[in-house]
N, C-alpha and C. Protein backbone atom coordinates (compact mmCIF):
# COMPACT_ATOMS: atom_id res chain seq x y z
N MET A 1 24.63 74.62 151.23
CA MET A 1 24.21 75.49 150.21
C MET A 1 24.83 76.88 150.34
N MET A 2 24.87 77.26 151.47
CA MET A 2 25.45 78.55 151.69
C MET A 2 26.92 78.55 151.29
N TRP A 3 27.55 77.44 151.52
CA TRP A 3 28.95 77.36 151.14
C TRP A 3 29.09 77.37 149.64
N GLU A 4 28.17 76.80 148.92
CA GLU A 4 28.23 76.80 147.46
C GLU A 4 28.03 78.21 146.93
N ASN A 5 27.10 78.95 147.46
CA ASN A 5 26.87 80.33 147.03
C ASN A 5 28.09 81.21 147.35
N LEU A 6 28.65 80.93 148.44
CA LEU A 6 29.80 81.71 148.85
C LEU A 6 30.98 81.42 147.93
N LYS A 7 31.19 80.15 147.55
CA LYS A 7 32.29 79.80 146.65
C LYS A 7 32.03 80.38 145.28
N ARG A 8 30.80 80.25 144.79
CA ARG A 8 30.46 80.83 143.50
C ARG A 8 30.55 82.35 143.57
N GLY A 9 30.20 82.93 144.64
CA GLY A 9 30.22 84.38 144.81
C GLY A 9 31.65 84.93 144.79
N ASN A 10 32.60 84.13 145.26
CA ASN A 10 33.99 84.56 145.24
C ASN A 10 34.47 84.75 143.81
N TRP A 11 34.08 83.88 142.92
CA TRP A 11 34.50 84.01 141.53
C TRP A 11 33.85 85.22 140.88
N TRP A 12 32.63 85.50 141.24
CA TRP A 12 31.96 86.67 140.66
C TRP A 12 32.60 87.95 141.15
N VAL A 13 33.16 87.91 142.28
CA VAL A 13 33.83 89.10 142.82
C VAL A 13 35.28 89.14 142.37
N THR A 14 35.94 87.97 142.38
CA THR A 14 37.36 87.91 142.07
C THR A 14 37.64 88.24 140.61
N LEU A 15 36.85 87.70 139.68
CA LEU A 15 37.08 87.94 138.25
C LEU A 15 36.98 89.43 137.89
N PRO A 16 35.96 90.15 138.30
CA PRO A 16 35.95 91.58 137.96
C PRO A 16 37.09 92.36 138.64
N LEU A 17 37.43 91.95 139.88
CA LEU A 17 38.56 92.63 140.54
C LEU A 17 39.87 92.36 139.80
N ALA A 18 40.08 91.11 139.38
CA ALA A 18 41.30 90.78 138.64
C ALA A 18 41.32 91.51 137.31
N ALA A 19 40.19 91.53 136.60
CA ALA A 19 40.12 92.23 135.32
C ALA A 19 40.35 93.73 135.52
N GLY A 20 39.77 94.28 136.56
CA GLY A 20 39.98 95.70 136.85
C GLY A 20 41.44 95.99 137.19
N SER A 21 42.06 95.07 137.94
CA SER A 21 43.46 95.25 138.30
C SER A 21 44.34 95.20 137.05
N ILE A 22 44.07 94.23 136.18
CA ILE A 22 44.85 94.10 134.95
C ILE A 22 44.65 95.35 134.08
N ALA A 23 43.40 95.78 133.98
CA ALA A 23 43.12 96.98 133.19
C ALA A 23 43.83 98.20 133.79
N TYR A 24 43.82 98.31 135.11
CA TYR A 24 44.52 99.41 135.77
C TYR A 24 46.01 99.39 135.46
N VAL A 25 46.60 98.19 135.59
CA VAL A 25 48.04 98.05 135.31
C VAL A 25 48.35 98.41 133.87
N VAL A 26 47.55 97.88 132.91
CA VAL A 26 47.83 98.08 131.50
C VAL A 26 47.53 99.52 131.05
N PHE A 27 46.41 100.07 131.50
CA PHE A 27 45.99 101.37 130.98
C PHE A 27 46.37 102.57 131.84
N VAL A 28 46.69 102.35 133.11
CA VAL A 28 46.99 103.49 133.98
C VAL A 28 48.42 103.41 134.52
N PHE A 29 48.76 102.30 135.19
CA PHE A 29 50.03 102.20 135.89
C PHE A 29 51.22 102.22 134.93
N LEU A 30 51.25 101.34 133.92
CA LEU A 30 52.40 101.28 133.01
C LEU A 30 52.58 102.58 132.20
N PRO A 31 51.52 103.15 131.64
CA PRO A 31 51.72 104.46 130.98
C PRO A 31 52.18 105.54 131.97
N GLY A 32 51.68 105.46 133.20
CA GLY A 32 52.11 106.42 134.22
C GLY A 32 53.57 106.23 134.57
N GLN A 33 54.04 104.97 134.60
CA GLN A 33 55.45 104.69 134.85
C GLN A 33 56.31 105.28 133.74
N GLN A 34 55.87 105.12 132.50
CA GLN A 34 56.62 105.65 131.37
C GLN A 34 56.67 107.17 131.45
N THR A 35 55.55 107.78 131.76
CA THR A 35 55.50 109.24 131.91
C THR A 35 56.38 109.69 133.07
N THR A 36 56.33 108.94 134.16
CA THR A 36 57.16 109.25 135.33
C THR A 36 58.64 109.14 134.98
N ALA A 37 59.00 108.09 134.24
CA ALA A 37 60.40 107.93 133.83
C ALA A 37 60.84 109.08 132.92
N GLU A 38 59.97 109.50 132.01
CA GLU A 38 60.31 110.63 131.13
C GLU A 38 60.48 111.91 131.96
N LEU A 39 59.58 112.12 132.93
CA LEU A 39 59.68 113.31 133.78
C LEU A 39 60.97 113.28 134.62
N ARG A 40 61.32 112.10 135.14
CA ARG A 40 62.56 111.98 135.91
C ARG A 40 63.77 112.27 135.02
N SER A 41 63.73 111.79 133.79
CA SER A 41 64.82 112.06 132.85
C SER A 41 64.94 113.55 132.57
N ARG A 42 63.82 114.21 132.37
CA ARG A 42 63.84 115.66 132.13
C ARG A 42 64.36 116.40 133.36
N ILE A 43 63.92 115.96 134.54
CA ILE A 43 64.39 116.59 135.78
C ILE A 43 65.89 116.41 135.92
N ARG A 44 66.39 115.21 135.65
CA ARG A 44 67.82 114.93 135.73
C ARG A 44 68.60 115.82 134.76
N GLN A 45 68.08 115.98 133.53
CA GLN A 45 68.75 116.83 132.55
C GLN A 45 68.77 118.28 133.02
N LYS A 46 67.65 118.72 133.58
CA LYS A 46 67.59 120.11 134.05
C LYS A 46 68.50 120.32 135.26
N GLN A 47 68.60 119.30 136.13
CA GLN A 47 69.51 119.41 137.27
C GLN A 47 70.96 119.47 136.79
N GLN A 48 71.30 118.66 135.78
CA GLN A 48 72.65 118.71 135.22
C GLN A 48 72.90 120.07 134.58
N HIS A 49 71.91 120.58 133.88
CA HIS A 49 72.05 121.91 133.26
C HIS A 49 72.28 122.97 134.33
N LEU A 50 71.52 122.90 135.43
CA LEU A 50 71.70 123.85 136.52
C LEU A 50 73.07 123.72 137.16
N ALA A 51 73.51 122.48 137.38
CA ALA A 51 74.83 122.27 137.97
C ALA A 51 75.91 122.85 137.04
N HIS A 52 75.75 122.63 135.74
CA HIS A 52 76.71 123.16 134.77
C HIS A 52 76.65 124.69 134.77
N ALA A 53 75.45 125.24 134.86
CA ALA A 53 75.30 126.70 134.87
C ALA A 53 75.95 127.29 136.11
N GLN A 54 75.85 126.61 137.24
CA GLN A 54 76.49 127.10 138.46
C GLN A 54 78.00 127.07 138.31
N ALA A 55 78.52 126.00 137.69
CA ALA A 55 79.97 125.91 137.47
C ALA A 55 80.42 127.01 136.52
N VAL A 56 79.63 127.26 135.49
CA VAL A 56 79.97 128.32 134.54
C VAL A 56 79.92 129.68 135.24
N GLY A 57 78.94 129.85 136.10
CA GLY A 57 78.83 131.11 136.85
C GLY A 57 80.04 131.34 137.74
N ALA A 58 80.48 130.29 138.42
CA ALA A 58 81.67 130.41 139.27
C ALA A 58 82.91 130.69 138.42
N ALA A 59 83.01 130.03 137.28
CA ALA A 59 84.14 130.28 136.38
C ALA A 59 84.09 131.70 135.84
N LEU A 60 82.90 132.21 135.58
CA LEU A 60 82.75 133.57 135.09
C LEU A 60 83.19 134.58 136.14
N VAL A 61 82.81 134.35 137.38
CA VAL A 61 83.22 135.24 138.47
C VAL A 61 84.74 135.21 138.62
N ALA A 62 85.33 134.01 138.55
CA ALA A 62 86.79 133.90 138.66
C ALA A 62 87.47 134.59 137.49
N SER A 63 86.91 134.45 136.30
CA SER A 63 87.49 135.10 135.12
C SER A 63 87.40 136.62 135.23
N GLU A 64 86.29 137.12 135.74
CA GLU A 64 86.15 138.57 135.91
C GLU A 64 87.17 139.09 136.92
N GLU A 65 87.40 138.35 137.98
CA GLU A 65 88.41 138.76 138.97
C GLU A 65 89.80 138.73 138.36
N GLU A 66 90.09 137.70 137.58
CA GLU A 66 91.39 137.61 136.91
C GLU A 66 91.56 138.76 135.92
N LEU A 67 90.51 139.09 135.20
CA LEU A 67 90.56 140.20 134.26
C LEU A 67 90.79 141.52 134.99
N ARG A 68 90.17 141.69 136.14
CA ARG A 68 90.38 142.90 136.94
C ARG A 68 91.83 143.01 137.38
N LEU A 69 92.41 141.89 137.82
CA LEU A 69 93.81 141.90 138.24
C LEU A 69 94.74 142.16 137.06
N ILE A 70 94.41 141.62 135.90
CA ILE A 70 95.22 141.86 134.70
C ILE A 70 95.18 143.34 134.33
N ARG A 71 94.00 143.92 134.36
CA ARG A 71 93.88 145.34 134.03
C ARG A 71 94.62 146.22 135.04
N GLN A 72 94.57 145.82 136.29
CA GLN A 72 95.29 146.56 137.33
C GLN A 72 96.80 146.48 137.08
N TYR A 73 97.29 145.28 136.76
CA TYR A 73 98.71 145.11 136.46
C TYR A 73 99.08 145.90 135.20
N GLN A 74 98.20 145.87 134.20
CA GLN A 74 98.46 146.59 132.95
C GLN A 74 98.57 148.09 133.21
N GLU A 75 97.69 148.64 134.02
CA GLU A 75 97.76 150.07 134.35
C GLU A 75 99.07 150.39 135.07
N GLN A 76 99.44 149.56 136.02
CA GLN A 76 100.69 149.77 136.77
C GLN A 76 101.88 149.68 135.83
N TRP A 77 101.85 148.72 134.93
CA TRP A 77 102.94 148.54 133.99
C TRP A 77 103.05 149.75 133.06
N ARG A 78 101.91 150.25 132.58
CA ARG A 78 101.93 151.41 131.69
C ARG A 78 102.52 152.64 132.37
N LYS A 79 102.31 152.76 133.67
CA LYS A 79 102.87 153.90 134.40
C LYS A 79 104.39 153.83 134.45
N ASN A 80 104.94 152.61 134.51
CA ASN A 80 106.37 152.44 134.73
C ASN A 80 107.18 152.14 133.48
N VAL A 81 106.54 151.78 132.39
CA VAL A 81 107.30 151.40 131.19
C VAL A 81 107.88 152.66 130.55
N PRO A 82 109.18 152.63 130.23
CA PRO A 82 109.77 153.81 129.59
C PRO A 82 109.39 153.88 128.11
N ARG A 83 109.48 155.05 127.57
CA ARG A 83 109.29 155.24 126.14
C ARG A 83 110.65 155.19 125.47
N VAL A 84 110.67 154.78 124.23
CA VAL A 84 111.93 154.69 123.49
C VAL A 84 112.60 156.05 123.45
N ALA A 85 111.82 157.10 123.26
CA ALA A 85 112.38 158.45 123.16
C ALA A 85 112.97 158.95 124.48
N ARG A 86 112.61 158.30 125.60
CA ARG A 86 113.07 158.77 126.91
C ARG A 86 113.96 157.75 127.60
N LEU A 87 114.64 156.92 126.86
CA LEU A 87 115.52 155.90 127.44
C LEU A 87 116.70 156.51 128.18
N SER A 88 117.11 157.71 127.80
CA SER A 88 118.26 158.35 128.47
C SER A 88 117.98 158.52 129.97
N GLU A 89 116.72 158.79 130.33
CA GLU A 89 116.37 158.92 131.74
C GLU A 89 116.56 157.59 132.47
N LEU A 90 116.17 156.50 131.82
CA LEU A 90 116.36 155.18 132.42
C LEU A 90 117.84 154.85 132.53
N PHE A 91 118.63 155.20 131.51
CA PHE A 91 120.07 154.96 131.57
C PHE A 91 120.70 155.74 132.72
N ALA A 92 120.20 156.95 132.95
CA ALA A 92 120.68 157.74 134.09
C ALA A 92 120.32 157.05 135.40
N GLY A 93 119.13 156.46 135.46
CA GLY A 93 118.73 155.71 136.66
C GLY A 93 119.62 154.50 136.89
N ILE A 94 119.98 153.80 135.82
CA ILE A 94 120.90 152.65 135.94
C ILE A 94 122.26 153.13 136.43
N HIS A 95 122.73 154.25 135.89
CA HIS A 95 124.02 154.81 136.33
C HIS A 95 123.96 155.16 137.82
N GLY A 96 122.83 155.72 138.27
CA GLY A 96 122.68 156.04 139.69
C GLY A 96 122.72 154.80 140.56
N VAL A 97 122.13 153.71 140.08
CA VAL A 97 122.18 152.45 140.83
C VAL A 97 123.61 151.97 140.93
N GLU A 98 124.36 152.10 139.84
CA GLU A 98 125.77 151.69 139.86
C GLU A 98 126.55 152.51 140.88
N LYS A 99 126.33 153.81 140.90
CA LYS A 99 127.05 154.68 141.86
C LYS A 99 126.70 154.32 143.29
N ARG A 100 125.39 154.14 143.56
CA ARG A 100 124.97 153.83 144.93
C ARG A 100 125.48 152.48 145.40
N SER A 101 125.62 151.53 144.49
CA SER A 101 126.08 150.19 144.89
C SER A 101 127.57 150.19 145.23
N GLY A 102 128.32 151.16 144.69
CA GLY A 102 129.75 151.24 145.00
C GLY A 102 130.64 150.53 144.00
N VAL A 103 130.08 149.95 142.95
CA VAL A 103 130.92 149.27 141.96
C VAL A 103 131.60 150.31 141.08
N GLN A 104 132.70 149.91 140.47
CA GLN A 104 133.38 150.77 139.50
C GLN A 104 132.93 150.33 138.12
N THR A 105 132.30 151.22 137.38
CA THR A 105 131.78 150.88 136.05
C THR A 105 132.93 150.89 135.06
N VAL A 106 133.08 149.79 134.34
CA VAL A 106 134.09 149.72 133.29
C VAL A 106 133.47 149.65 131.90
N ARG A 107 132.17 149.39 131.88
CA ARG A 107 131.49 149.29 130.58
C ARG A 107 130.01 149.58 130.77
N PHE A 108 129.48 150.43 129.92
CA PHE A 108 128.04 150.66 129.83
C PHE A 108 127.75 150.80 128.35
N ASP A 109 127.16 149.76 127.77
CA ASP A 109 127.04 149.67 126.31
C ASP A 109 125.61 149.35 125.89
N PRO A 110 124.79 150.40 125.65
CA PRO A 110 123.46 150.13 125.10
C PRO A 110 123.58 149.67 123.65
N GLN A 111 122.84 148.64 123.31
CA GLN A 111 122.84 148.10 121.95
C GLN A 111 121.71 148.74 121.15
N PRO A 112 121.69 148.53 119.83
CA PRO A 112 120.58 149.10 119.04
C PRO A 112 119.22 148.55 119.48
N VAL A 113 118.23 149.41 119.40
CA VAL A 113 116.86 149.06 119.79
C VAL A 113 116.29 148.07 118.78
N VAL A 114 115.64 147.01 119.29
CA VAL A 114 114.98 146.02 118.44
C VAL A 114 113.47 146.28 118.55
N ALA A 115 112.90 146.81 117.47
CA ALA A 115 111.47 147.16 117.49
C ALA A 115 110.62 145.90 117.28
N ARG A 116 109.60 145.75 118.09
CA ARG A 116 108.60 144.69 117.96
C ARG A 116 107.25 145.34 117.65
N ALA A 117 106.21 144.56 117.67
CA ALA A 117 104.89 145.08 117.31
C ALA A 117 104.46 146.23 118.22
N TYR A 118 104.50 146.06 119.52
CA TYR A 118 104.03 147.09 120.45
C TYR A 118 105.09 147.51 121.45
N LEU A 119 106.12 146.71 121.59
CA LEU A 119 107.21 147.02 122.51
C LEU A 119 108.52 147.01 121.74
N SER A 120 109.52 147.64 122.31
CA SER A 120 110.86 147.59 121.76
C SER A 120 111.77 146.98 122.82
N GLU A 121 112.70 146.16 122.39
CA GLU A 121 113.70 145.60 123.28
C GLU A 121 114.97 146.43 123.17
N VAL A 122 115.52 146.78 124.32
CA VAL A 122 116.74 147.56 124.36
C VAL A 122 117.78 146.74 125.12
N PRO A 123 118.69 146.07 124.41
CA PRO A 123 119.75 145.32 125.09
C PRO A 123 120.82 146.28 125.62
N VAL A 124 121.29 146.00 126.82
CA VAL A 124 122.33 146.82 127.45
C VAL A 124 123.33 145.87 128.09
N SER A 125 124.62 146.13 127.89
CA SER A 125 125.68 145.36 128.55
C SER A 125 126.37 146.25 129.56
N LEU A 126 126.49 145.75 130.77
CA LEU A 126 127.19 146.47 131.84
C LEU A 126 128.42 145.68 132.23
N GLY A 127 129.48 146.38 132.51
CA GLY A 127 130.68 145.76 133.06
C GLY A 127 131.10 146.55 134.28
N CYS A 128 131.43 145.86 135.36
CA CYS A 128 131.82 146.56 136.58
C CYS A 128 132.78 145.71 137.38
N VAL A 129 133.44 146.37 138.32
CA VAL A 129 134.36 145.71 139.24
C VAL A 129 133.99 146.18 140.64
N GLY A 130 133.98 145.25 141.58
CA GLY A 130 133.67 145.59 142.96
C GLY A 130 133.63 144.33 143.81
N SER A 131 133.34 144.51 145.07
CA SER A 131 133.20 143.35 145.95
C SER A 131 131.91 142.61 145.61
N PHE A 132 131.80 141.40 146.11
CA PHE A 132 130.59 140.63 145.84
C PHE A 132 129.36 141.35 146.39
N ALA A 133 129.49 141.95 147.56
CA ALA A 133 128.36 142.67 148.16
C ALA A 133 127.96 143.86 147.30
N GLU A 134 128.94 144.56 146.73
CA GLU A 134 128.63 145.70 145.86
C GLU A 134 127.94 145.24 144.58
N VAL A 135 128.40 144.14 144.00
CA VAL A 135 127.76 143.61 142.80
C VAL A 135 126.34 143.16 143.12
N PHE A 136 126.17 142.52 144.27
CA PHE A 136 124.83 142.12 144.69
C PHE A 136 123.93 143.34 144.86
N ALA A 137 124.45 144.42 145.44
CA ALA A 137 123.67 145.65 145.61
C ALA A 137 123.30 146.23 144.24
N LEU A 138 124.21 146.12 143.25
CA LEU A 138 123.90 146.58 141.90
C LEU A 138 122.73 145.79 141.31
N LEU A 139 122.79 144.47 141.40
CA LEU A 139 121.71 143.64 140.85
C LEU A 139 120.39 143.91 141.57
N HIS A 140 120.48 144.06 142.88
CA HIS A 140 119.27 144.36 143.65
C HIS A 140 118.68 145.72 143.23
N GLY A 141 119.55 146.70 143.04
CA GLY A 141 119.09 148.02 142.62
C GLY A 141 118.47 147.99 141.23
N LEU A 142 119.02 147.17 140.32
CA LEU A 142 118.45 147.06 138.98
C LEU A 142 117.05 146.45 139.04
N GLU A 143 116.86 145.47 139.91
CA GLU A 143 115.54 144.86 140.06
C GLU A 143 114.52 145.84 140.62
N ARG A 144 114.97 146.79 141.42
CA ARG A 144 114.05 147.71 142.08
C ARG A 144 113.73 148.94 141.23
N LEU A 145 114.31 149.04 140.04
CA LEU A 145 113.97 150.15 139.16
C LEU A 145 112.50 150.09 138.80
N PRO A 146 111.85 151.25 138.58
CA PRO A 146 110.42 151.22 138.24
C PRO A 146 110.16 150.55 136.90
N ALA A 147 111.08 150.66 135.96
CA ALA A 147 110.91 150.01 134.66
C ALA A 147 111.30 148.54 134.79
N LYS A 148 110.68 147.72 133.96
CA LYS A 148 111.00 146.29 133.98
C LYS A 148 112.33 146.07 133.27
N VAL A 149 113.32 145.65 134.01
CA VAL A 149 114.65 145.36 133.48
C VAL A 149 114.89 143.87 133.68
N TRP A 150 115.07 143.16 132.59
CA TRP A 150 115.33 141.73 132.68
C TRP A 150 116.83 141.48 132.65
N VAL A 151 117.30 140.76 133.62
CA VAL A 151 118.70 140.37 133.65
C VAL A 151 118.80 139.06 132.86
N LYS A 152 119.41 139.14 131.68
CA LYS A 152 119.51 137.95 130.83
C LYS A 152 120.68 137.07 131.24
N ARG A 153 121.80 137.71 131.61
CA ARG A 153 123.00 136.93 131.90
C ARG A 153 123.85 137.70 132.91
N VAL A 154 124.41 136.97 133.86
CA VAL A 154 125.35 137.54 134.82
C VAL A 154 126.58 136.64 134.82
N HIS A 155 127.73 137.28 134.67
CA HIS A 155 128.99 136.51 134.70
C HIS A 155 129.89 137.16 135.75
N LEU A 156 130.21 136.40 136.79
CA LEU A 156 131.09 136.87 137.86
C LEU A 156 132.40 136.10 137.78
N GLU A 157 133.48 136.85 137.98
CA GLU A 157 134.80 136.21 137.94
C GLU A 157 135.73 136.99 138.87
N LYS A 158 136.49 136.25 139.66
CA LYS A 158 137.47 136.91 140.52
C LYS A 158 138.56 137.53 139.65
N ILE A 159 139.02 138.70 140.04
CA ILE A 159 140.06 139.37 139.25
C ILE A 159 141.37 138.61 139.40
N ARG A 160 141.74 138.34 140.65
CA ARG A 160 142.94 137.54 140.95
C ARG A 160 142.56 136.59 142.08
N PRO A 161 143.25 135.47 142.19
CA PRO A 161 142.89 134.52 143.26
C PRO A 161 142.97 135.13 144.66
N ASP A 162 143.86 136.07 144.89
CA ASP A 162 144.01 136.64 146.23
C ASP A 162 143.17 137.91 146.42
N SER A 163 142.38 138.32 145.42
CA SER A 163 141.60 139.55 145.49
C SER A 163 140.20 139.29 146.04
N GLU A 164 139.69 140.30 146.72
CA GLU A 164 138.33 140.25 147.23
C GLU A 164 137.32 140.71 146.18
N ASN A 165 137.80 141.44 145.19
CA ASN A 165 136.92 142.01 144.18
C ASN A 165 136.64 141.02 143.06
N VAL A 166 135.47 141.22 142.47
CA VAL A 166 135.07 140.39 141.33
C VAL A 166 134.79 141.30 140.14
N GLN A 167 135.00 140.73 138.98
CA GLN A 167 134.64 141.42 137.76
C GLN A 167 133.28 140.86 137.34
N CYS A 168 132.37 141.74 136.96
CA CYS A 168 131.00 141.32 136.66
C CYS A 168 130.60 141.85 135.29
N ARG A 169 129.95 140.98 134.54
CA ARG A 169 129.34 141.40 133.27
C ARG A 169 127.86 141.05 133.36
N VAL A 170 127.03 142.03 133.10
CA VAL A 170 125.58 141.85 133.19
C VAL A 170 124.98 142.25 131.85
N ASP A 171 124.21 141.34 131.26
CA ASP A 171 123.47 141.64 130.04
C ASP A 171 122.00 141.83 130.41
N LEU A 172 121.48 143.00 130.10
CA LEU A 172 120.10 143.36 130.44
C LEU A 172 119.26 143.50 129.18
N THR A 173 117.96 143.33 129.35
CA THR A 173 117.00 143.69 128.30
C THR A 173 115.97 144.59 128.95
N ILE A 174 115.80 145.75 128.34
CA ILE A 174 114.81 146.72 128.81
C ILE A 174 113.70 146.74 127.78
N PHE A 175 112.47 146.69 128.24
CA PHE A 175 111.33 146.77 127.32
C PHE A 175 110.77 148.18 127.38
N ALA A 176 110.70 148.80 126.20
CA ALA A 176 110.21 150.16 126.10
C ALA A 176 108.93 150.17 125.27
N ASP A 177 108.09 151.14 125.55
CA ASP A 177 106.79 151.25 124.89
C ASP A 177 106.94 151.96 123.55
N ASN A 178 106.26 151.44 122.55
CA ASN A 178 106.17 152.11 121.25
C ASN A 178 104.92 152.98 121.28
N ARG A 179 105.04 154.20 121.73
CA ARG A 179 103.88 155.08 121.88
C ARG A 179 103.32 155.55 120.55
N ASP A 180 104.04 155.34 119.46
CA ASP A 180 103.49 155.75 118.18
C ASP A 180 102.36 154.83 117.75
N LYS A 181 102.23 153.68 118.39
CA LYS A 181 101.12 152.76 118.11
C LYS A 181 100.11 152.91 119.24
N THR A 182 99.34 153.99 119.19
CA THR A 182 98.45 154.31 120.31
C THR A 182 97.19 153.47 120.33
N ASP A 183 96.81 152.89 119.22
CA ASP A 183 95.55 152.13 119.17
C ASP A 183 95.60 150.86 120.01
N TYR A 184 96.79 150.30 120.25
CA TYR A 184 96.83 149.04 120.98
C TYR A 184 96.37 149.22 122.42
N ALA A 185 96.62 150.37 123.01
CA ALA A 185 96.17 150.59 124.38
C ALA A 185 94.65 150.68 124.44
N LYS A 186 94.04 151.28 123.44
CA LYS A 186 92.59 151.39 123.43
C LYS A 186 91.96 150.04 123.14
N ASN A 187 92.56 149.25 122.25
CA ASN A 187 92.00 147.95 121.88
C ASN A 187 92.20 146.89 122.94
N SER A 188 93.16 147.08 123.85
CA SER A 188 93.43 146.04 124.84
C SER A 188 92.51 146.14 126.04
N ASN A 189 91.73 147.21 126.16
CA ASN A 189 90.81 147.33 127.31
C ASN A 189 89.51 146.68 127.05
């Protein structure tokens, strides 16, 4: 008899426990899982947003540093760029470089100024005769001028097969500032 009560008693205990478990799963656990999944999704989105924000922050810092370097270069360039009205001083500097290098100048031919929006291009053709070392010293001296002088073309040719000297033609472009357009300096900062 006791065994019968015990067997019957198991069902009375098991059925409410099973029903309670099913009710817990249906009404508490599964909705909680859905809420947990939504919260995890939101957390993942916010973590991605933070990671993106950190990358943007690093890019912003790098951009600010690059902008600082650009402004520094711009200031240095403005100090050294010649004005169109004062090109004669730069031409005198080029002549001094020619004298110091030891070449014999056979041609110094500034071309007409080509005006652009904010800068002007000043083409210059140089012709000289000298040893290779002297011509090299001329080119080196032109590069070391404070103004930016672009060497567009260099043509070297021996004068005679038995000669040590070479004939050199150098085409330069000098960029000069158009100071009459003063607003561009204010707008570029």
